Amino acid sequence: MWIGWSSLFIAIWLIISGLIANLQGPANLVICGILSILIGFFFMLGWEGVVTGVLGIWLILSGLVSGLIHTSNLLIIGISIAAVSLIRIYHQHSEGERIHKTA
């Protein structure tokens, strides 16, 4: 369950970074991208992991190409990762409830 919450934390940080211009540096995007790739490709299973990992690759590319550092880019990626994270958290929670009902 910590995987979904960690991904949600990164998404909230990206949304905050999109709203505050001083936080829109390339290092921020590269670090968030590396964390998203690690969480997405190595810890999440299924389509949620693929989506999070691909968005992490896009974050790294956005950090390396200065023309892609933009408020809308950060907000769209942040909202997308947040949506995937919330879906992941919901599925883990409902799966845990099913296990408790059968036990």
PDB file of N, CA and C in Angstrom:
ATOM      1  N   MET A   1       0.818  -1.191   0.000  1.00  0.00           N
ATOM      2  CA  MET A   1       0.000   0.000   0.000  1.00  0.00           C
ATOM      3  C   MET A   1       0.862   1.255   0.000  1.00  0.00           C
ATOM      4  N   TRP A   2       2.088   1.135   0.493  1.00  0.00           N
ATOM      5  CA  TRP A   2       2.980   2.290   0.539  1.00  0.00           C
ATOM      6  C   TRP A   2       3.362   2.766  -0.849  1.00  0.00           C
ATOM      7  N   ILE A   3       3.290   1.887  -1.847  1.00  0.00           N
ATOM      8  CA  ILE A   3       3.664   2.268  -3.202  1.00  0.00           C
ATOM      9  C   ILE A   3       2.693   3.310  -3.748  1.00  0.00           C
ATOM     10  N   GLY A   4       1.414   3.079  -3.560  1.00  0.00           N
ATOM     11  CA  GLY A   4       0.414   4.041  -4.020  1.00  0.00           C
ATOM     12  C   GLY A   4       0.530   5.373  -3.314  1.00  0.00           C
ATOM     13  N   TRP A   5       0.784   5.327  -2.012  1.00  0.00           N
ATOM     14  CA  TRP A   5       0.923   6.569  -1.256  1.00  0.00           C
ATOM     15  C   TRP A   5       2.191   7.328  -1.645  1.00  0.00           C
ATOM     16  N   SER A   6       3.268   6.618  -1.916  1.00  0.00           N
ATOM     17  CA  SER A   6       4.507   7.273  -2.346  1.00  0.00           C
ATOM     18  C   SER A   6       4.316   7.949  -3.696  1.00  0.00           C
ATOM     19  N   SER A   7       3.648   7.257  -4.588  1.00  0.00           N
ATOM     20  CA  SER A   7       3.370   7.825  -5.901  1.00  0.00           C
ATOM     21  C   SER A   7       2.436   9.035  -5.786  1.00  0.00           C
ATOM     22  N   LEU A   8       1.472   8.954  -4.886  1.00  0.00           N
ATOM     23  CA  LEU A   8       0.573  10.085  -4.667  1.00  0.00           C
ATOM     24  C   LEU A   8       1.330  11.279  -4.098  1.00  0.00           C
ATOM     25  N   PHE A   9       2.295  11.037  -3.223  1.00  0.00           N
ATOM     26  CA  PHE A   9       3.113  12.117  -2.665  1.00  0.00           C
ATOM     27  C   PHE A   9       3.909  12.815  -3.775  1.00  0.00           C
ATOM     28  N   ILE A  10       4.481  12.040  -4.686  1.00  0.00           N
ATOM     29  CA  ILE A  10       5.208  12.633  -5.809  1.00  0.00           C
ATOM     30  C   ILE A  10       4.267  13.453  -6.678  1.00  0.00           C
ATOM     31  N   ALA A  11       3.058  12.943  -6.905  1.00  0.00           N
ATOM     32  CA  ALA A  11       2.076  13.657  -7.729  1.00  0.00           C
ATOM     33  C   ALA A  11       1.675  14.986  -7.087  1.00  0.00           C
ATOM     34  N   ILE A  12       1.457  14.973  -5.786  1.00  0.00           N
ATOM     35  CA  ILE A  12       1.098  16.222  -5.093  1.00  0.00           C
ATOM     36  C   ILE A  12       2.251  17.205  -5.167  1.00  0.00           C
ATOM     37  N   TRP A  13       3.479  16.697  -5.025  1.00  0.00           N
ATOM     38  CA  TRP A  13       4.648  17.577  -5.134  1.00  0.00           C
ATOM     39  C   TRP A  13       4.745  18.184  -6.534  1.00  0.00           C
ATOM     40  N   LEU A  14       4.436  17.405  -7.577  1.00  0.00           N
ATOM     41  CA  LEU A  14       4.461  17.936  -8.937  1.00  0.00           C
ATOM     42  C   LEU A  14       3.391  19.003  -9.147  1.00  0.00           C
ATOM     43  N   ILE A  15       2.229  18.790  -8.558  1.00  0.00           N
ATOM     44  CA  ILE A  15       1.163  19.794  -8.676  1.00  0.00           C
ATOM     45  C   ILE A  15       1.576  21.080  -7.962  1.00  0.00           C
ATOM     46  N   ILE A  16       2.148  20.954  -6.771  1.00  0.00           N
ATOM     47  CA  ILE A  16       2.634  22.132  -6.047  1.00  0.00           C
ATOM     48  C   ILE A  16       3.737  22.823  -6.847  1.00  0.00           C
ATOM     49  N   SER A  17       4.640  22.031  -7.440  1.00  0.00           N
ATOM     50  CA  SER A  17       5.717  22.598  -8.257  1.00  0.00           C
ATOM     51  C   SER A  17       5.170  23.313  -9.480  1.00  0.00           C
ATOM     52  N   GLY A  18       4.079  22.823 -10.021  1.00  0.00           N
ATOM     53  CA  GLY A  18       3.461  23.483 -11.160  1.00  0.00           C
ATOM     54  C   GLY A  18       2.829  24.812 -10.795  1.00  0.00           C
ATOM     55  N   LEU A  19       2.389  24.936  -9.567  1.00  0.00           N
ATOM     56  CA  LEU A  19       1.736  26.175  -9.134  1.00  0.00           C
ATOM     57  C   LEU A  19       2.722  27.224  -8.629  1.00  0.00           C
ATOM     58  N   ILE A  20       3.890  26.798  -8.165  1.00  0.00           N
ATOM     59  CA  ILE A  20       4.899  27.727  -7.645  1.00  0.00           C
ATOM     60  C   ILE A  20       6.064  27.771  -8.629  1.00  0.00           C
ATOM     61  N   ALA A  21       6.277  28.920  -9.250  1.00  0.00           N
ATOM     62  CA  ALA A  21       7.259  29.038 -10.332  1.00  0.00           C
ATOM     63  C   ALA A  21       8.693  28.776  -9.864  1.00  0.00           C
ATOM     64  N   ASN A  22       9.020  29.073  -8.631  1.00  0.00           N
ATOM     65  CA  ASN A  22      10.387  28.877  -8.139  1.00  0.00           C
ATOM     66  C   ASN A  22      10.765  27.404  -8.033  1.00  0.00           C
ATOM     67  N   LEU A  23       9.804  26.508  -8.016  1.00  0.00           N
ATOM     68  CA  LEU A  23      10.073  25.079  -7.883  1.00  0.00           C
ATOM     69  C   LEU A  23      10.165  24.359  -9.225  1.00  0.00           C
ATOM     70  N   GLN A  24      10.061  25.086 -10.321  1.00  0.00           N
ATOM     71  CA  GLN A  24      10.019  24.467 -11.639  1.00  0.00           C
ATOM     72  C   GLN A  24      11.416  24.341 -12.253  1.00  0.00           C
ATOM     73  N   GLY A  25      12.357  23.824 -11.479  1.00  0.00           N
ATOM     74  CA  GLY A  25      13.715  23.647 -11.971  1.00  0.00           C
ATOM     75  C   GLY A  25      13.926  22.287 -12.603  1.00  0.00           C
ATOM     76  N   PRO A  26      14.963  22.177 -13.432  1.00  0.00           N
ATOM     77  CA  PRO A  26      15.231  20.888 -14.079  1.00  0.00           C
ATOM     78  C   PRO A  26      15.587  19.784 -13.086  1.00  0.00           C
ATOM     79  N   ALA A  27      16.275  20.125 -12.011  1.00  0.00           N
ATOM     80  CA  ALA A  27      16.640  19.104 -11.018  1.00  0.00           C
ATOM     81  C   ALA A  27      15.395  18.505 -10.379  1.00  0.00           C
ATOM     82  N   ASN A  28      14.394  19.325 -10.119  1.00  0.00           N
ATOM     83  CA  ASN A  28      13.140  18.837  -9.542  1.00  0.00           C
ATOM     84  C   ASN A  28      12.481  17.815 -10.457  1.00  0.00           C
ATOM     85  N   LEU A  29      12.449  18.120 -11.754  1.00  0.00           N
ATOM     86  CA  LEU A  29      11.826  17.208 -12.708  1.00  0.00           C
ATOM     87  C   LEU A  29      12.614  15.909 -12.838  1.00  0.00           C
ATOM     88  N   VAL A  30      13.932  15.999 -12.869  1.00  0.00           N
ATOM     89  CA  VAL A  30      14.750  14.794 -13.022  1.00  0.00           C
ATOM     90  C   VAL A  30      14.617  13.902 -11.789  1.00  0.00           C
ATOM     91  N   ILE A  31      14.651  14.487 -10.592  1.00  0.00           N
ATOM     92  CA  ILE A  31      14.516  13.695  -9.364  1.00  0.00           C
ATOM     93  C   ILE A  31      13.140  13.038  -9.287  1.00  0.00           C
ATOM     94  N   CYS A  32      12.091  13.797  -9.563  1.00  0.00           N
ATOM     95  CA  CYS A  32      10.735  13.222  -9.557  1.00  0.00           C
ATOM     96  C   CYS A  32      10.591  12.162 -10.637  1.00  0.00           C
ATOM     97  N   GLY A  33      11.238  12.369 -11.783  1.00  0.00           N
ATOM     98  CA  GLY A  33      11.191  11.379 -12.850  1.00  0.00           C
ATOM     99  C   GLY A  33      11.874  10.075 -12.463  1.00  0.00           C
ATOM    100  N   ILE A  34      13.036  10.173 -11.826  1.00  0.00           N
ATOM    101  CA  ILE A  34      13.742   8.973 -11.380  1.00  0.00           C
ATOM    102  C   ILE A  34      12.914   8.214 -10.348  1.00  0.00           C
ATOM    103  N   LEU A  35      12.323   8.944  -9.401  1.00  0.00           N
ATOM    104  CA  LEU A  35      11.483   8.287  -8.393  1.00  0.00           C
ATOM    105  C   LEU A  35      10.257   7.631  -9.030  1.00  0.00           C
ATOM    106  N   SER A  36       9.656   8.305 -10.012  1.00  0.00           N
ATOM    107  CA  SER A  36       8.485   7.734 -10.689  1.00  0.00           C
ATOM    108  C   SER A  36       8.859   6.484 -11.478  1.00  0.00           C
ATOM    109  N   ILE A  37      10.028   6.494 -12.110  1.00  0.00           N
ATOM    110  CA  ILE A  37      10.471   5.305 -12.845  1.00  0.00           C
ATOM    111  C   ILE A  37      10.706   4.153 -11.885  1.00  0.00           C
ATOM    112  N   LEU A  38      11.383   4.431 -10.765  1.00  0.00           N
ATOM    113  CA  LEU A  38      11.633   3.366  -9.792  1.00  0.00           C
ATOM    114  C   LEU A  38      10.337   2.782  -9.254  1.00  0.00           C
ATOM    115  N   ILE A  39       9.417   3.650  -8.852  1.00  0.00           N
ATOM    116  CA  ILE A  39       8.147   3.177  -8.313  1.00  0.00           C
ATOM    117  C   ILE A  39       7.328   2.472  -9.396  1.00  0.00           C
ATOM    118  N   GLY A  40       7.269   3.065 -10.589  1.00  0.00           N
ATOM    119  CA  GLY A  40       6.426   2.523 -11.643  1.00  0.00           C
ATOM    120  C   GLY A  40       6.903   1.205 -12.208  1.00  0.00           C
ATOM    121  N   PHE A  41       8.165   1.151 -12.613  1.00  0.00           N
ATOM    122  CA  PHE A  41       8.651  -0.047 -13.299  1.00  0.00           C
ATOM    123  C   PHE A  41       9.113  -1.151 -12.358  1.00  0.00           C
ATOM    124  N   PHE A  42       9.537  -0.804 -11.149  1.00  0.00           N
ATOM    125  CA  PHE A  42      10.115  -1.823 -10.283  1.00  0.00           C
ATOM    126  C   PHE A  42       9.221  -2.250  -9.123  1.00  0.00           C
ATOM    127  N   PHE A  43       8.281  -1.412  -8.694  1.00  0.00           N
ATOM    128  CA  PHE A  43       7.471  -1.764  -7.536  1.00  0.00           C
ATOM    129  C   PHE A  43       5.994  -1.986  -7.863  1.00  0.00           C
ATOM    130  N   MET A  44       5.438  -1.253  -8.822  1.00  0.00           N
ATOM    131  CA  MET A  44       4.038  -1.439  -9.199  1.00  0.00           C
ATOM    132  C   MET A  44       3.922  -2.526 -10.250  1.00  0.00           C
ATOM    133  N   LEU A  45       2.852  -3.264 -10.205  1.00  0.00           N
ATOM    134  CA  LEU A  45       2.570  -4.270 -11.213  1.00  0.00           C
ATOM    135  C   LEU A  45       1.371  -3.822 -12.037  1.00  0.00           C
ATOM    136  N   GLY A  46       1.319  -4.229 -13.269  1.00  0.00           N
ATOM    137  CA  GLY A  46       0.163  -3.942 -14.112  1.00  0.00           C
ATOM    138  C   GLY A  46       0.286  -2.612 -14.831  1.00  0.00           C
ATOM    139  N   TRP A  47      -0.835  -2.180 -15.348  1.00  0.00           N
ATOM    140  CA  TRP A  47      -0.849  -0.973 -16.165  1.00  0.00           C
ATOM    141  C   TRP A  47      -0.525   0.273 -15.360  1.00  0.00           C
ATOM    142  N   GLU A  48      -0.828   0.273 -14.051  1.00  0.00           N
ATOM    143  CA  GLU A  48      -0.520   1.446 -13.229  1.00  0.00           C
ATOM    144  C   GLU A  48       0.983   1.708 -13.202  1.00  0.00           C
ATOM    145  N   GLY A  49       1.763   0.635 -13.109  1.00  0.00           N
ATOM    146  CA  GLY A  49       3.212   0.779 -13.094  1.00  0.00           C
ATOM    147  C   GLY A  49       3.758   1.278 -14.420  1.00  0.00           C
ATOM    148  N   VAL A  50       3.195   0.782 -15.514  1.00  0.00           N
ATOM    149  CA  VAL A  50       3.654   1.216 -16.831  1.00  0.00           C
ATOM    150  C   VAL A  50       3.361   2.700 -17.028  1.00  0.00           C
ATOM    151  N   VAL A  51       2.162   3.130 -16.678  1.00  0.00           N
ATOM    152  CA  VAL A  51       1.790   4.539 -16.839  1.00  0.00           C
ATOM    153  C   VAL A  51       2.686   5.428 -15.978  1.00  0.00           C
ATOM    154  N   THR A  52       2.903   5.048 -14.727  1.00  0.00           N
ATOM    155  CA  THR A  52       3.745   5.841 -13.839  1.00  0.00           C
ATOM    156  C   THR A  52       5.188   5.874 -14.342  1.00  0.00           C
ATOM    157  N   GLY A  53       5.703   4.749 -14.825  1.00  0.00           N
ATOM    158  CA  GLY A  53       7.065   4.706 -15.347  1.00  0.00           C
ATOM    159  C   GLY A  53       7.241   5.547 -16.601  1.00  0.00           C
ATOM    160  N   VAL A  54       6.276   5.480 -17.519  1.00  0.00           N
ATOM    161  CA  VAL A  54       6.356   6.275 -18.746  1.00  0.00           C
ATOM    162  C   VAL A  54       6.281   7.768 -18.420  1.00  0.00           C
ATOM    163  N   LEU A  55       5.422   8.140 -17.483  1.00  0.00           N
ATOM    164  CA  LEU A  55       5.363   9.541 -17.075  1.00  0.00           C
ATOM    165  C   LEU A  55       6.669   9.963 -16.396  1.00  0.00           C
ATOM    166  N   GLY A  56       7.322   9.032 -15.706  1.00  0.00           N
ATOM    167  CA  GLY A  56       8.632   9.327 -15.129  1.00  0.00           C
ATOM    168  C   GLY A  56       9.681   9.586 -16.197  1.00  0.00           C
ATOM    169  N   ILE A  57       9.638   8.802 -17.280  1.00  0.00           N
ATOM    170  CA  ILE A  57      10.557   9.052 -18.397  1.00  0.00           C
ATOM    171  C   ILE A  57      10.292  10.423 -19.006  1.00  0.00           C
ATOM    172  N   TRP A  58       9.020  10.777 -19.154  1.00  0.00           N
ATOM    173  CA  TRP A  58       8.666  12.092 -19.683  1.00  0.00           C
ATOM    174  C   TRP A  58       9.160  13.211 -18.747  1.00  0.00           C
ATOM    175  N   LEU A  59       9.094  12.984 -17.437  1.00  0.00           N
ATOM    176  CA  LEU A  59       9.598  13.979 -16.502  1.00  0.00           C
ATOM    177  C   LEU A  59      11.096  14.201 -16.668  1.00  0.00           C
ATOM    178  N   ILE A  60      11.844  13.115 -16.846  1.00  0.00           N
ATOM    179  CA  ILE A  60      13.287  13.258 -17.043  1.00  0.00           C
ATOM    180  C   ILE A  60      13.578  14.009 -18.339  1.00  0.00           C
ATOM    181  N   LEU A  61      12.878  13.656 -19.411  1.00  0.00           N
ATOM    182  CA  LEU A  61      13.066  14.382 -20.671  1.00  0.00           C
ATOM    183  C   LEU A  61      12.694  15.852 -20.527  1.00  0.00           C
ATOM    184  N   SER A  62      11.636  16.125 -19.780  1.00  0.00           N
ATOM    185  CA  SER A  62      11.229  17.515 -19.556  1.00  0.00           C
ATOM    186  C   SER A  62      12.275  18.278 -18.756  1.00  0.00           C
ATOM    187  N   GLY A  63      12.940  17.599 -17.838  1.00  0.00           N
ATOM    188  CA  GLY A  63      13.987  18.252 -17.062  1.00  0.00           C
ATOM    189  C   GLY A  63      15.240  18.520 -17.867  1.00  0.00           C
ATOM    190  N   LEU A  64      15.505  17.668 -18.859  1.00  0.00           N
ATOM    191  CA  LEU A  64      16.707  17.829 -19.667  1.00  0.00           C
ATOM    192  C   LEU A  64      16.531  18.818 -20.816  1.00  0.00           C
ATOM    193  N   VAL A  65      15.312  18.971 -21.314  1.00  0.00           N
ATOM    194  CA  VAL A  65      15.019  19.915 -22.395  1.00  0.00           C
ATOM    195  C   VAL A  65      14.326  21.127 -21.781  1.00  0.00           C
ATOM    196  N   SER A  66      15.008  22.258 -21.793  1.00  0.00           N
ATOM    197  CA  SER A  66      14.492  23.429 -21.067  1.00  0.00           C
ATOM    198  C   SER A  66      13.170  23.948 -21.624  1.00  0.00           C
ATOM    199  N   GLY A  67      12.868  23.707 -22.884  1.00  0.00           N
ATOM    200  CA  GLY A  67      11.613  24.178 -23.462  1.00  0.00           C
ATOM    201  C   GLY A  67      10.392  23.429 -22.947  1.00  0.00           C
ATOM    202  N   LEU A  68      10.604  22.266 -22.314  1.00  0.00           N
ATOM    203  CA  LEU A  68       9.476  21.475 -21.814  1.00  0.00           C
ATOM    204  C   LEU A  68       9.148  21.769 -20.351  1.00  0.00           C
ATOM    205  N   ILE A  69       9.947  22.599 -19.703  1.00  0.00           N
ATOM    206  CA  ILE A  69       9.655  22.967 -18.320  1.00  0.00           C
ATOM    207  C   ILE A  69       8.576  24.038 -18.358  1.00  0.00           C
ATOM    208  N   HIS A  70       7.359  23.622 -18.077  1.00  0.00           N
ATOM    209  CA  HIS A  70       6.226  24.541 -18.150  1.00  0.00           C
ATOM    210  C   HIS A  70       5.202  24.149 -17.100  1.00  0.00           C
ATOM    211  N   THR A  71       4.435  25.111 -16.658  1.00  0.00           N
ATOM    212  CA  THR A  71       3.438  24.894 -15.617  1.00  0.00           C
ATOM    213  C   THR A  71       2.429  23.823 -16.022  1.00  0.00           C
ATOM    214  N   SER A  72       1.923  23.913 -17.245  1.00  0.00           N
ATOM    215  CA  SER A  72       0.908  22.954 -17.672  1.00  0.00           C
ATOM    216  C   SER A  72       1.466  21.532 -17.739  1.00  0.00           C
ATOM    217  N   ASN A  73       2.727  21.387 -18.107  1.00  0.00           N
ATOM    218  CA  ASN A  73       3.353  20.066 -18.152  1.00  0.00           C
ATOM    219  C   ASN A  73       3.389  19.447 -16.759  1.00  0.00           C
ATOM    220  N   LEU A  74       3.807  20.224 -15.773  1.00  0.00           N
ATOM    221  CA  LEU A  74       3.862  19.713 -14.401  1.00  0.00           C
ATOM    222  C   LEU A  74       2.470  19.386 -13.862  1.00  0.00           C
ATOM    223  N   LEU A  75       1.512  20.239 -14.134  1.00  0.00           N
ATOM    224  CA  LEU A  75       0.157  20.002 -13.632  1.00  0.00           C
ATOM    225  C   LEU A  75      -0.476  18.767 -14.272  1.00  0.00           C
ATOM    226  N   ILE A  76      -0.305  18.596 -15.581  1.00  0.00           N
ATOM    227  CA  ILE A  76      -0.900  17.442 -16.256  1.00  0.00           C
ATOM    228  C   ILE A  76      -0.262  16.148 -15.769  1.00  0.00           C
ATOM    229  N   ILE A  77       1.064  16.134 -15.660  1.00  0.00           N
ATOM    230  CA  ILE A  77       1.734  14.922 -15.178  1.00  0.00           C
ATOM    231  C   ILE A  77       1.362  14.648 -13.726  1.00  0.00           C
ATOM    232  N   GLY A  78       1.313  15.686 -12.891  1.00  0.00           N
ATOM    233  CA  GLY A  78       0.950  15.521 -11.487  1.00  0.00           C
ATOM    234  C   GLY A  78      -0.454  14.975 -11.316  1.00  0.00           C
ATOM    235  N   ILE A  79      -1.390  15.517 -12.070  1.00  0.00           N
ATOM    236  CA  ILE A  79      -2.776  15.047 -11.980  1.00  0.00           C
ATOM    237  C   ILE A  79      -2.885  13.608 -12.503  1.00  0.00           C
ATOM    238  N   SER A  80      -2.156  13.294 -13.566  1.00  0.00           N
ATOM    239  CA  SER A  80      -2.197  11.930 -14.117  1.00  0.00           C
ATOM    240  C   SER A  80      -1.644  10.913 -13.131  1.00  0.00           C
ATOM    241  N   ILE A  81      -0.490  11.218 -12.533  1.00  0.00           N
ATOM    242  CA  ILE A  81       0.098  10.299 -11.556  1.00  0.00           C
ATOM    243  C   ILE A  81      -0.800  10.188 -10.322  1.00  0.00           C
ATOM    244  N   ALA A  82      -1.422  11.303  -9.919  1.00  0.00           N
ATOM    245  CA  ALA A  82      -2.329  11.265  -8.762  1.00  0.00           C
ATOM    246  C   ALA A  82      -3.535  10.370  -9.050  1.00  0.00           C
ATOM    247  N   ALA A  83      -4.082  10.461 -10.250  1.00  0.00           N
ATOM    248  CA  ALA A  83      -5.238   9.626 -10.596  1.00  0.00           C
ATOM    249  C   ALA A  83      -4.863   8.145 -10.589  1.00  0.00           C
ATOM    250  N   VAL A  84      -3.718   7.818 -11.172  1.00  0.00           N
ATOM    251  CA  VAL A  84      -3.268   6.426 -11.189  1.00  0.00           C
ATOM    252  C   VAL A  84      -2.993   5.938  -9.770  1.00  0.00           C
ATOM    253  N   SER A  85      -2.411   6.794  -8.949  1.00  0.00           N
ATOM    254  CA  SER A  85      -2.105   6.421  -7.561  1.00  0.00           C
ATOM    255  C   SER A  85      -3.378   6.172  -6.759  1.00  0.00           C
ATOM    256  N   LEU A  86      -4.375   7.025  -6.942  1.00  0.00           N
ATOM    257  CA  LEU A  86      -5.624   6.839  -6.219  1.00  0.00           C
ATOM    258  C   LEU A  86      -6.342   5.567  -6.665  1.00  0.00           C
ATOM    259  N   ILE A  87      -6.267   5.254  -7.951  1.00  0.00           N
ATOM    260  CA  ILE A  87      -6.843   3.992  -8.430  1.00  0.00           C
ATOM    261  C   ILE A  87      -6.109   2.822  -7.797  1.00  0.00           C
ATOM    262  N   ARG A  88      -4.785   2.918  -7.725  1.00  0.00           N
ATOM    263  CA  ARG A  88      -3.978   1.854  -7.117  1.00  0.00           C
ATOM    264  C   ARG A  88      -4.326   1.684  -5.636  1.00  0.00           C
ATOM    265  N   ILE A  89      -4.436   2.789  -4.913  1.00  0.00           N
ATOM    266  CA  ILE A  89      -4.770   2.735  -3.489  1.00  0.00           C
ATOM    267  C   ILE A  89      -6.156   2.132  -3.294  1.00  0.00           C
ATOM    268  N   TYR A  90      -7.129   2.526  -4.137  1.00  0.00           N
ATOM    269  CA  TYR A  90      -8.484   1.992  -4.033  1.00  0.00           C
ATOM    270  C   TYR A  90      -8.503   0.484  -4.264  1.00  0.00           C
ATOM    271  N   HIS A  91      -7.791   0.023  -5.300  1.00  0.00           N
ATOM    272  CA  HIS A  91      -7.765  -1.415  -5.585  1.00  0.00           C
ATOM    273  C   HIS A  91      -7.106  -2.201  -4.462  1.00  0.00           C
ATOM    274  N   GLN A  92      -6.044  -1.672  -3.888  1.00  0.00           N
ATOM    275  CA  GLN A  92      -5.390  -2.366  -2.782  1.00  0.00           C
ATOM    276  C   GLN A  92      -6.283  -2.403  -1.559  1.00  0.00           C
ATOM    277  N   HIS A  93      -7.006  -1.320  -1.319  1.00  0.00           N
ATOM    278  CA  HIS A  93      -7.896  -1.275  -0.165  1.00  0.00           C
ATOM    279  C   HIS A  93      -9.060  -2.255  -0.343  1.00  0.00           C
ATOM    280  N   SER A  94      -9.687  -2.269  -1.518  1.00  0.00           N
ATOM    281  CA  SER A  94     -10.814  -3.183  -1.739  1.00  0.00           C
ATOM    282  C   SER A  94     -10.344  -4.637  -1.750  1.00  0.00           C
ATOM    283  N   GLU A  95      -9.128  -4.887  -2.221  1.00  0.00           N
ATOM    284  CA  GLU A  95      -8.591  -6.241  -2.178  1.00  0.00           C
ATOM    285  C   GLU A  95      -8.343  -6.680  -0.738  1.00  0.00           C
ATOM    286  N   GLY A  96      -7.875  -5.772   0.104  1.00  0.00           N
ATOM    287  CA  GLY A  96      -7.663  -6.078   1.515  1.00  0.00           C
ATOM    288  C   GLY A  96      -8.971  -6.369   2.228  1.00  0.00           C
ATOM    289  N   GLU A  97     -10.045  -5.656   1.875  1.00  0.00           N
ATOM    290  CA  GLU A  97     -11.346  -5.913   2.485  1.00  0.00           C
ATOM    291  C   GLU A  97     -11.870  -7.285   2.081  1.00  0.00           C
ATOM    292  N   ARG A  98     -11.641  -7.691   0.838  1.00  0.00           N
ATOM    293  CA  ARG A  98     -12.079  -9.025   0.406  1.00  0.00           C
ATOM    294  C   ARG A  98     -11.344 -10.120   1.142  1.00  0.00           C
ATOM    295  N   ILE A  99     -10.072  -9.898   1.431  1.00  0.00           N
ATOM    296  CA  ILE A  99      -9.296 -10.895   2.163  1.00  0.00           C
ATOM    297  C   ILE A  99      -9.825 -11.010   3.592  1.00  0.00           C
ATOM    298  N   HIS A 100     -10.148  -9.886   4.221  1.00  0.00           N
ATOM    299  CA  HIS A 100     -10.656  -9.924   5.591  1.00  0.00           C
ATOM    300  C   HIS A 100     -12.047 -10.564   5.678  1.00  0.00           C
ATOM    301  N   LYS A 101     -12.881 -10.390   4.650  1.00  0.00           N
ATOM    302  CA  LYS A 101     -14.220 -10.986   4.676  1.00  0.00           C
ATOM    303  C   LYS A 101     -14.151 -12.497   4.524  1.00  0.00           C
ATOM    304  N   THR A 102     -13.168 -12.992   3.785  1.00  0.00           N
ATOM    305  CA  THR A 102     -13.085 -14.445   3.584  1.00  0.00           C
ATOM    306  C   THR A 102     -12.372 -15.142   4.727  1.00  0.00           C
ATOM    307  N   ALA A 103     -11.618 -14.399   5.513  1.00  0.00           N
ATOM    308  CA  ALA A 103     -10.851 -15.038   6.602  1.00  0.00           C
ATOM    309  C   ALA A 103     -11.709 -15.352   7.800  1.00  0.00           C
TER     310      ALA A 103
END
